[in-house]
Amino acid sequence: MDLRIIFAANLVRLRRAKGVSQQALAHKAEVDRSYLSRVEAAHHYVGLEVIGKLAEALEVNPAELLKVPSKRRRT
């Protein structure tokens, strides 16, 4: 399990669900937009400080960004 991929997928999903652009999220979280782009592409691990900033900017619990997706059964 690669936490970079899980984090990136959750970050993109939550950002899109809120209708926020990368630029707007980067500005609100006080991170560089190109850095955010690389994080969303799972090219970087992020520190706890950045996780906190992104969670706060998205108005979610930081744990939501690290939540492992549940496996769905097909019937």
N, C-alpha and C. Protein backbone atom coordinates (compact mmCIF):
# COMPACT_ATOMS: atom_id res chain seq x y z
N MET A 1 0.85 -1.17 0.00
CA MET A 1 0.00 0.00 0.00
C MET A 1 0.90 1.24 0.00
N ASP A 2 0.79 2.04 -1.03
CA ASP A 2 1.58 3.26 -1.14
C ASP A 2 0.73 4.44 -0.66
N LEU A 3 1.10 5.00 0.47
CA LEU A 3 0.32 6.10 1.04
C LEU A 3 0.31 7.34 0.14
N ARG A 4 1.36 7.50 -0.69
CA ARG A 4 1.35 8.64 -1.61
C ARG A 4 0.16 8.55 -2.56
N ILE A 5 -0.09 7.36 -3.07
CA ILE A 5 -1.19 7.17 -4.03
C ILE A 5 -2.53 7.35 -3.34
N ILE A 6 -2.68 6.81 -2.15
CA ILE A 6 -3.93 6.96 -1.39
C ILE A 6 -4.17 8.43 -1.07
N PHE A 7 -3.13 9.11 -0.57
CA PHE A 7 -3.26 10.52 -0.23
C PHE A 7 -3.62 11.34 -1.47
N ALA A 8 -2.91 11.10 -2.56
CA ALA A 8 -3.16 11.84 -3.79
C ALA A 8 -4.59 11.64 -4.29
N ALA A 9 -5.06 10.40 -4.30
CA ALA A 9 -6.41 10.11 -4.77
C ALA A 9 -7.46 10.79 -3.89
N ASN A 10 -7.27 10.73 -2.58
CA ASN A 10 -8.21 11.38 -1.67
C ASN A 10 -8.18 12.89 -1.83
N LEU A 11 -6.99 13.45 -2.00
CA LEU A 11 -6.86 14.89 -2.16
C LEU A 11 -7.58 15.37 -3.41
N VAL A 12 -7.36 14.70 -4.52
CA VAL A 12 -8.03 15.07 -5.77
C VAL A 12 -9.54 14.91 -5.63
N ARG A 13 -9.98 13.78 -5.07
CA ARG A 13 -11.42 13.53 -4.91
C ARG A 13 -12.08 14.61 -4.06
N LEU A 14 -11.48 14.93 -2.93
CA LEU A 14 -12.06 15.92 -2.03
C LEU A 14 -12.03 17.33 -2.65
N ARG A 15 -10.92 17.65 -3.31
CA ARG A 15 -10.82 18.97 -3.95
C ARG A 15 -11.88 19.14 -5.03
N ARG A 16 -12.04 18.13 -5.86
CA ARG A 16 -13.05 18.20 -6.94
C ARG A 16 -14.47 18.22 -6.37
N ALA A 17 -14.71 17.45 -5.32
CA ALA A 17 -16.04 17.41 -4.70
C ALA A 17 -16.43 18.78 -4.16
N LYS A 18 -15.43 19.54 -3.74
CA LYS A 18 -15.70 20.89 -3.21
C LYS A 18 -15.69 21.94 -4.32
N GLY A 19 -15.36 21.52 -5.55
CA GLY A 19 -15.34 22.44 -6.67
C GLY A 19 -14.23 23.47 -6.59
N VAL A 20 -13.07 23.05 -6.07
CA VAL A 20 -11.95 23.96 -5.86
C VAL A 20 -10.85 23.64 -6.86
N SER A 21 -10.28 24.66 -7.47
CA SER A 21 -9.17 24.46 -8.39
C SER A 21 -7.88 24.22 -7.61
N GLN A 22 -6.89 23.67 -8.29
CA GLN A 22 -5.58 23.50 -7.65
C GLN A 22 -5.04 24.85 -7.19
N GLN A 23 -5.18 25.86 -8.04
CA GLN A 23 -4.67 27.18 -7.71
C GLN A 23 -5.32 27.73 -6.43
N ALA A 24 -6.64 27.60 -6.36
CA ALA A 24 -7.36 28.11 -5.19
C ALA A 24 -6.98 27.34 -3.93
N LEU A 25 -6.86 26.02 -4.03
CA LEU A 25 -6.47 25.23 -2.87
C LEU A 25 -5.05 25.56 -2.43
N ALA A 26 -4.16 25.67 -3.39
CA ALA A 26 -2.77 26.01 -3.06
C ALA A 26 -2.69 27.35 -2.34
N HIS A 27 -3.44 28.31 -2.83
CA HIS A 27 -3.44 29.63 -2.20
C HIS A 27 -3.98 29.55 -0.77
N LYS A 28 -5.11 28.87 -0.62
CA LYS A 28 -5.74 28.78 0.71
C LYS A 28 -4.86 28.01 1.70
N ALA A 29 -4.18 26.98 1.21
CA ALA A 29 -3.33 26.15 2.08
C ALA A 29 -1.91 26.70 2.20
N GLU A 30 -1.64 27.77 1.47
CA GLU A 30 -0.31 28.41 1.51
C GLU A 30 0.81 27.46 1.08
N VAL A 31 0.55 26.76 -0.04
CA VAL A 31 1.58 25.93 -0.66
C VAL A 31 1.67 26.33 -2.13
N ASP A 32 2.78 26.03 -2.75
CA ASP A 32 2.97 26.34 -4.16
C ASP A 32 2.07 25.47 -5.03
N ARG A 33 1.47 26.04 -6.06
CA ARG A 33 0.57 25.29 -6.92
C ARG A 33 1.28 24.15 -7.64
N SER A 34 2.51 24.37 -8.08
CA SER A 34 3.23 23.30 -8.77
C SER A 34 3.57 22.16 -7.80
N TYR A 35 3.84 22.50 -6.54
CA TYR A 35 4.06 21.47 -5.52
C TYR A 35 2.78 20.66 -5.32
N LEU A 36 1.64 21.36 -5.22
CA LEU A 36 0.36 20.68 -5.05
C LEU A 36 0.09 19.74 -6.22
N SER A 37 0.41 20.19 -7.42
CA SER A 37 0.23 19.36 -8.60
C SER A 37 1.05 18.07 -8.49
N ARG A 38 2.28 18.19 -8.03
CA ARG A 38 3.13 17.01 -7.88
C ARG A 38 2.62 16.09 -6.77
N VAL A 39 2.07 16.68 -5.72
CA VAL A 39 1.47 15.88 -4.63
C VAL A 39 0.28 15.10 -5.17
N GLU A 40 -0.57 15.78 -5.95
CA GLU A 40 -1.75 15.11 -6.52
C GLU A 40 -1.37 14.03 -7.52
N ALA A 41 -0.20 14.14 -8.10
CA ALA A 41 0.28 13.12 -9.03
C ALA A 41 1.05 12.02 -8.30
N ALA A 42 1.08 12.08 -6.98
CA ALA A 42 1.75 11.09 -6.12
C ALA A 42 3.26 11.05 -6.36
N HIS A 43 3.85 12.20 -6.65
CA HIS A 43 5.29 12.27 -6.85
C HIS A 43 6.03 12.62 -5.56
N HIS A 44 5.30 13.08 -4.55
CA HIS A 44 5.93 13.50 -3.30
C HIS A 44 5.18 12.94 -2.10
N TYR A 45 5.94 12.61 -1.07
CA TYR A 45 5.34 12.38 0.24
C TYR A 45 5.17 13.75 0.87
N VAL A 46 4.15 13.92 1.68
CA VAL A 46 3.94 15.21 2.33
C VAL A 46 4.11 15.04 3.84
N GLY A 47 4.53 16.13 4.48
CA GLY A 47 4.69 16.12 5.92
C GLY A 47 3.38 16.41 6.61
N LEU A 48 3.39 16.24 7.92
CA LEU A 48 2.18 16.46 8.71
C LEU A 48 1.69 17.90 8.62
N GLU A 49 2.61 18.85 8.55
CA GLU A 49 2.21 20.25 8.46
C GLU A 49 1.40 20.51 7.18
N VAL A 50 1.84 19.95 6.07
CA VAL A 50 1.13 20.14 4.81
C VAL A 50 -0.21 19.41 4.84
N ILE A 51 -0.24 18.22 5.42
CA ILE A 51 -1.51 17.49 5.55
C ILE A 51 -2.50 18.35 6.32
N GLY A 52 -2.05 18.93 7.41
CA GLY A 52 -2.91 19.80 8.21
C GLY A 52 -3.39 21.01 7.44
N LYS A 53 -2.52 21.66 6.69
CA LYS A 53 -2.89 22.84 5.91
C LYS A 53 -3.93 22.49 4.84
N LEU A 54 -3.70 21.38 4.15
CA LEU A 54 -4.63 20.98 3.09
C LEU A 54 -5.98 20.57 3.67
N ALA A 55 -5.97 19.83 4.77
CA ALA A 55 -7.22 19.43 5.42
C ALA A 55 -8.00 20.66 5.87
N GLU A 56 -7.30 21.60 6.47
CA GLU A 56 -7.98 22.82 6.93
C GLU A 56 -8.55 23.60 5.75
N ALA A 57 -7.79 23.70 4.68
CA ALA A 57 -8.26 24.43 3.50
C ALA A 57 -9.47 23.75 2.87
N LEU A 58 -9.52 22.41 2.94
CA LEU A 58 -10.65 21.67 2.38
C LEU A 58 -11.78 21.47 3.39
N GLU A 59 -11.53 21.90 4.62
CA GLU A 59 -12.51 21.77 5.70
C GLU A 59 -12.90 20.32 5.94
N VAL A 60 -11.86 19.47 6.03
CA VAL A 60 -12.07 18.05 6.35
C VAL A 60 -11.12 17.66 7.46
N ASN A 61 -11.40 16.54 8.09
CA ASN A 61 -10.51 15.98 9.10
C ASN A 61 -9.27 15.47 8.37
N PRO A 62 -8.06 15.71 8.88
CA PRO A 62 -6.85 15.22 8.21
C PRO A 62 -6.88 13.72 7.90
N ALA A 63 -7.54 12.95 8.74
CA ALA A 63 -7.62 11.50 8.51
C ALA A 63 -8.31 11.15 7.20
N GLU A 64 -9.20 12.04 6.73
CA GLU A 64 -9.90 11.79 5.46
C GLU A 64 -8.92 11.72 4.30
N LEU A 65 -7.80 12.43 4.42
CA LEU A 65 -6.81 12.43 3.34
C LEU A 65 -5.98 11.15 3.31
N LEU A 66 -6.02 10.39 4.38
CA LEU A 66 -5.25 9.15 4.45
C LEU A 66 -6.11 7.90 4.49
N LYS A 67 -7.41 8.09 4.35
CA LYS A 67 -8.35 6.96 4.43
C LYS A 67 -8.15 6.01 3.26
N VAL A 68 -7.97 4.74 3.60
CA VAL A 68 -7.83 3.71 2.57
C VAL A 68 -9.21 3.40 2.01
N PRO A 69 -9.37 3.43 0.69
CA PRO A 69 -10.69 3.16 0.13
C PRO A 69 -11.13 1.73 0.44
N SER A 70 -12.41 1.59 0.70
CA SER A 70 -12.94 0.25 0.97
C SER A 70 -13.07 -0.50 -0.35
N LYS A 71 -12.89 -1.80 -0.26
CA LYS A 71 -13.03 -2.62 -1.46
C LYS A 71 -14.49 -2.98 -1.63
N ARG A 72 -15.01 -2.70 -2.78
CA ARG A 72 -16.43 -3.00 -3.06
C ARG A 72 -16.52 -4.33 -3.79
N ARG A 73 -17.50 -5.07 -3.37
CA ARG A 73 -17.75 -6.35 -4.05
C ARG A 73 -18.72 -6.13 -5.19
N ARG A 74 -18.46 -6.77 -6.27
CA ARG A 74 -19.40 -6.73 -7.41
C ARG A 74 -20.35 -7.90 -7.29
N THR A 75 -21.60 -7.63 -7.50
CA THR A 75 -22.59 -8.71 -7.38
C THR A 75 -23.13 -9.08 -8.72
